Amino acid sequence: MITKKKLALRDLRDNKAQLWVSDYTISMLLFILAVILSVNIIINSFPTSNVFEELKTDASKISEILLSEGYPSDWDNESVIRPGLLTANRLNKTKVINAMNMSYSSLKPKLQALHDFIVIFEDPAGDMIEFEGLCVIGSPDVSISSTGSGPLIDCHNPDFTTIDYDNMIRIIRLVIYESRIIRMVVYVWE
């Protein structure tokens, strides 16, 4: 037969067990919270680089300016203030050739570019499009691979091994040219 004394001891043990479980749970939650806060403080203490954001902003700005009509709308290399490549929302071959012939030192400030850049055009198959033998708008430091010998250049892929860069970003924008959709690819690097 169970006496009152044994029942009291059993109740006391159950209460102690309940206290132990709740103490354990609270201490475990506090420990996890401390670990999360410590990791968060350590991660946030490292300096963050804004280089990626700067490159992305630069590439977006260049592509936005180029995918406008420009100012004046019928610009040539002497009269250009803002070198846009579109006429009636379509790529204008004459404006593209003018931009490709423009010196990089005068083009870069007109596009408000902070970093070096090139712009190429690709067909849906990924091949570069030539505009009267010209392939690239932008930095002359990036070479274009040639399949033939001599002055004839067959536009293929830009060769970035000729430049020294730490970070590079590529933005692809779609544009209409000769009743088909092509890609305008903007590379910006630091």
Protein backbone atom coordinates (compact mmCIF):
# COMPACT_ATOMS: atom_id res chain seq x y z
CA MET A 1 0.00 0.00 0.00
CA ILE A 2 1.18 3.42 -0.97
CA THR A 3 1.51 5.79 1.87
CA LYS A 4 1.18 9.52 1.85
CA LYS A 5 4.90 9.82 2.30
CA LYS A 6 5.63 7.78 -0.86
CA LEU A 7 3.10 9.79 -2.86
CA ALA A 8 4.69 13.03 -1.70
CA LEU A 9 8.14 11.77 -2.74
CA ARG A 10 6.84 10.70 -6.13
CA ASP A 11 5.21 14.12 -6.70
CA LEU A 12 8.42 15.83 -5.64
CA ARG A 13 10.43 13.73 -8.16
CA ASP A 14 7.95 14.51 -10.96
CA ASN A 15 8.16 18.23 -10.21
CA LYS A 16 11.96 18.08 -10.21
CA ALA A 17 11.90 16.29 -13.58
CA GLN A 18 9.56 18.92 -14.99
CA LEU A 19 11.84 21.69 -13.75
CA TRP A 20 14.88 19.98 -15.24
CA VAL A 21 13.24 19.68 -18.71
CA SER A 22 12.10 23.30 -18.72
CA ASP A 23 15.54 24.51 -17.50
CA TYR A 24 17.20 22.47 -20.22
CA THR A 25 14.85 23.84 -22.91
CA ILE A 26 15.36 27.47 -21.88
CA SER A 27 19.14 27.11 -21.68
CA MET A 28 19.23 25.42 -25.10
CA LEU A 29 17.18 28.23 -26.65
CA LEU A 30 19.49 30.84 -25.10
CA PHE A 31 22.55 28.99 -26.41
CA ILE A 32 21.11 28.79 -29.95
CA LEU A 33 20.21 32.49 -29.82
CA ALA A 34 23.77 33.36 -28.69
CA VAL A 35 25.28 31.30 -31.53
CA ILE A 36 23.02 32.93 -34.14
CA LEU A 37 23.85 36.42 -32.87
CA SER A 38 27.58 35.64 -32.81
CA VAL A 39 27.58 34.31 -36.37
CA ASN A 40 25.56 37.30 -37.55
CA ILE A 41 27.99 39.74 -35.90
CA ILE A 42 31.00 37.95 -37.41
CA ILE A 43 29.51 37.89 -40.92
CA ASN A 44 28.50 41.55 -40.79
CA SER A 45 31.89 42.66 -39.47
CA PHE A 46 33.64 41.85 -42.77
CA PRO A 47 33.78 44.79 -45.15
CA THR A 48 31.49 44.40 -48.14
CA SER A 49 32.59 45.32 -51.61
CA ASN A 50 30.39 47.52 -53.72
CA VAL A 51 32.34 46.65 -56.86
CA PHE A 52 29.67 44.30 -58.17
CA GLU A 53 26.94 46.90 -57.68
CA GLU A 54 29.07 49.57 -59.38
CA LEU A 55 29.76 47.31 -62.37
CA LYS A 56 26.09 46.33 -62.63
CA THR A 57 24.99 49.96 -62.49
CA ASP A 58 27.59 50.93 -65.09
CA ALA A 59 26.52 48.14 -67.47
CA SER A 60 22.84 49.00 -67.04
CA LYS A 61 23.51 52.68 -67.71
CA ILE A 62 25.56 51.93 -70.84
CA SER A 63 22.89 49.60 -72.23
CA GLU A 64 20.12 52.06 -71.39
CA ILE A 65 21.85 54.92 -73.21
CA LEU A 66 22.69 52.76 -76.23
CA LEU A 67 19.12 51.44 -76.46
CA SER A 68 17.73 54.93 -76.97
CA GLU A 69 17.55 57.11 -80.08
CA GLY A 70 20.35 59.29 -78.80
CA TYR A 71 20.65 63.02 -78.99
CA PRO A 72 20.38 64.47 -81.53
CA SER A 73 18.31 61.67 -83.05
CA ASP A 74 20.23 61.77 -86.35
CA TRP A 75 23.67 62.08 -84.77
CA ASP A 76 27.04 61.50 -86.33
CA ASN A 77 30.45 61.35 -84.61
CA GLU A 78 30.87 65.15 -84.56
CA SER A 79 27.39 66.11 -83.33
CA VAL A 80 26.68 63.35 -80.82
CA ILE A 81 25.79 64.24 -77.25
CA ARG A 82 24.10 60.98 -76.29
CA PRO A 83 25.01 58.07 -78.62
CA GLY A 84 21.81 56.03 -78.86
CA LEU A 85 21.62 53.23 -81.44
CA LEU A 86 17.87 52.99 -82.10
CA THR A 87 15.56 54.57 -84.62
CA ALA A 88 11.85 53.82 -84.26
CA ASN A 89 12.69 51.17 -81.60
CA ARG A 90 14.91 49.23 -84.01
CA LEU A 91 18.70 49.00 -84.22
CA ASN A 92 20.00 51.53 -86.75
CA LYS A 93 22.98 50.14 -88.65
CA THR A 94 24.38 53.61 -89.42
CA LYS A 95 24.34 54.59 -85.74
CA VAL A 96 26.00 51.30 -84.76
CA ILE A 97 28.78 51.85 -87.32
CA ASN A 98 29.21 55.44 -86.10
CA ALA A 99 29.54 54.21 -82.50
CA MET A 100 32.00 51.49 -83.53
CA ASN A 101 34.10 54.10 -85.36
CA MET A 102 34.02 56.55 -82.45
CA SER A 103 37.19 56.79 -80.38
CA TYR A 104 36.95 55.04 -77.03
CA SER A 105 38.24 58.12 -75.18
CA SER A 106 35.35 60.24 -76.49
CA LEU A 107 32.70 57.50 -76.27
CA LYS A 108 33.30 56.52 -72.64
CA PRO A 109 32.29 59.89 -71.10
CA LYS A 110 29.29 60.21 -73.43
CA LEU A 111 28.01 56.87 -72.06
CA GLN A 112 28.79 58.03 -68.51
CA ALA A 113 30.87 54.88 -68.02
CA LEU A 114 33.06 54.66 -64.93
CA HIS A 115 34.72 51.38 -65.94
CA ASP A 116 36.06 49.85 -69.14
CA PHE A 117 33.51 48.20 -71.41
CA ILE A 118 32.75 46.63 -74.77
CA VAL A 119 29.45 46.07 -76.51
CA ILE A 120 28.88 43.33 -79.09
CA PHE A 121 25.86 42.11 -81.00
CA GLU A 122 25.00 38.42 -81.36
CA ASP A 123 22.52 36.60 -83.56
CA PRO A 124 20.21 33.95 -82.05
CA ALA A 125 22.87 31.27 -82.68
CA GLY A 126 25.37 33.21 -80.52
CA ASP A 127 27.62 34.37 -83.40
CA MET A 128 28.82 37.96 -83.37
CA ILE A 129 27.28 40.24 -85.97
CA GLU A 130 29.55 42.30 -88.22
CA PHE A 131 28.64 45.82 -89.28
CA GLU A 132 30.73 46.54 -92.38
CA GLY A 133 33.73 44.69 -90.93
CA LEU A 134 33.36 46.18 -87.44
CA CYS A 135 32.46 44.09 -84.41
CA VAL A 136 32.82 46.00 -81.14
CA ILE A 137 31.77 49.23 -79.51
CA GLY A 138 34.14 50.17 -76.69
CA SER A 139 37.60 49.29 -75.46
CA PRO A 140 40.19 48.60 -78.15
CA ASP A 141 42.14 46.47 -75.63
CA VAL A 142 39.85 43.46 -76.11
CA SER A 143 40.86 41.59 -79.22
CA ILE A 144 38.47 39.81 -81.53
CA SER A 145 39.60 36.43 -82.82
CA SER A 146 40.13 36.30 -86.54
CA THR A 147 39.75 33.24 -88.74
CA GLY A 148 41.74 34.61 -91.65
CA SER A 149 45.06 36.32 -92.10
CA GLY A 150 45.52 39.92 -93.09
CA PRO A 151 43.31 42.91 -92.33
CA LEU A 152 40.02 41.07 -92.86
CA ILE A 153 38.46 40.38 -89.47
CA ASP A 154 35.79 37.77 -89.11
CA CYS A 155 33.95 38.55 -85.88
CA HIS A 156 33.86 35.65 -83.48
CA ASN A 157 34.24 35.83 -79.72
CA PRO A 158 35.91 38.60 -77.74
CA ASP A 159 39.22 37.50 -76.24
CA PHE A 160 39.46 38.82 -72.67
CA THR A 161 42.89 37.28 -72.08
CA THR A 162 44.43 40.42 -73.58
CA ILE A 163 43.24 42.57 -70.65
CA ASP A 164 43.85 42.45 -66.92
CA TYR A 165 40.68 42.56 -64.81
CA ASP A 166 39.59 41.57 -61.32
CA ASN A 167 35.81 41.65 -61.78
CA MET A 168 33.61 41.52 -64.86
CA ILE A 169 29.88 41.64 -65.43
CA ARG A 170 27.87 40.83 -68.56
CA ILE A 171 24.40 42.13 -69.33
CA ILE A 172 22.35 40.88 -72.28
CA ARG A 173 19.63 43.06 -73.78
CA LEU A 174 17.37 42.13 -76.69
CA VAL A 175 16.92 44.43 -79.66
CA ILE A 176 15.23 44.25 -83.07
CA TYR A 177 17.54 44.36 -86.10
CA GLU A 178 16.41 43.66 -89.66
CA SER A 179 13.10 42.09 -88.55
CA ARG A 180 14.72 39.66 -86.11
CA ILE A 181 15.59 39.73 -82.46
CA ILE A 182 19.30 39.86 -81.64
CA ARG A 183 21.26 40.25 -78.41
CA MET A 184 23.23 43.29 -77.40
CA VAL A 185 25.86 42.06 -74.90
CA VAL A 186 27.54 44.60 -72.63
CA TYR A 187 30.73 43.61 -70.79
CA VAL A 188 32.01 45.90 -68.04
CA TRP A 189 35.13 45.19 -65.99
CA GLU A 190 37.37 46.64 -63.35
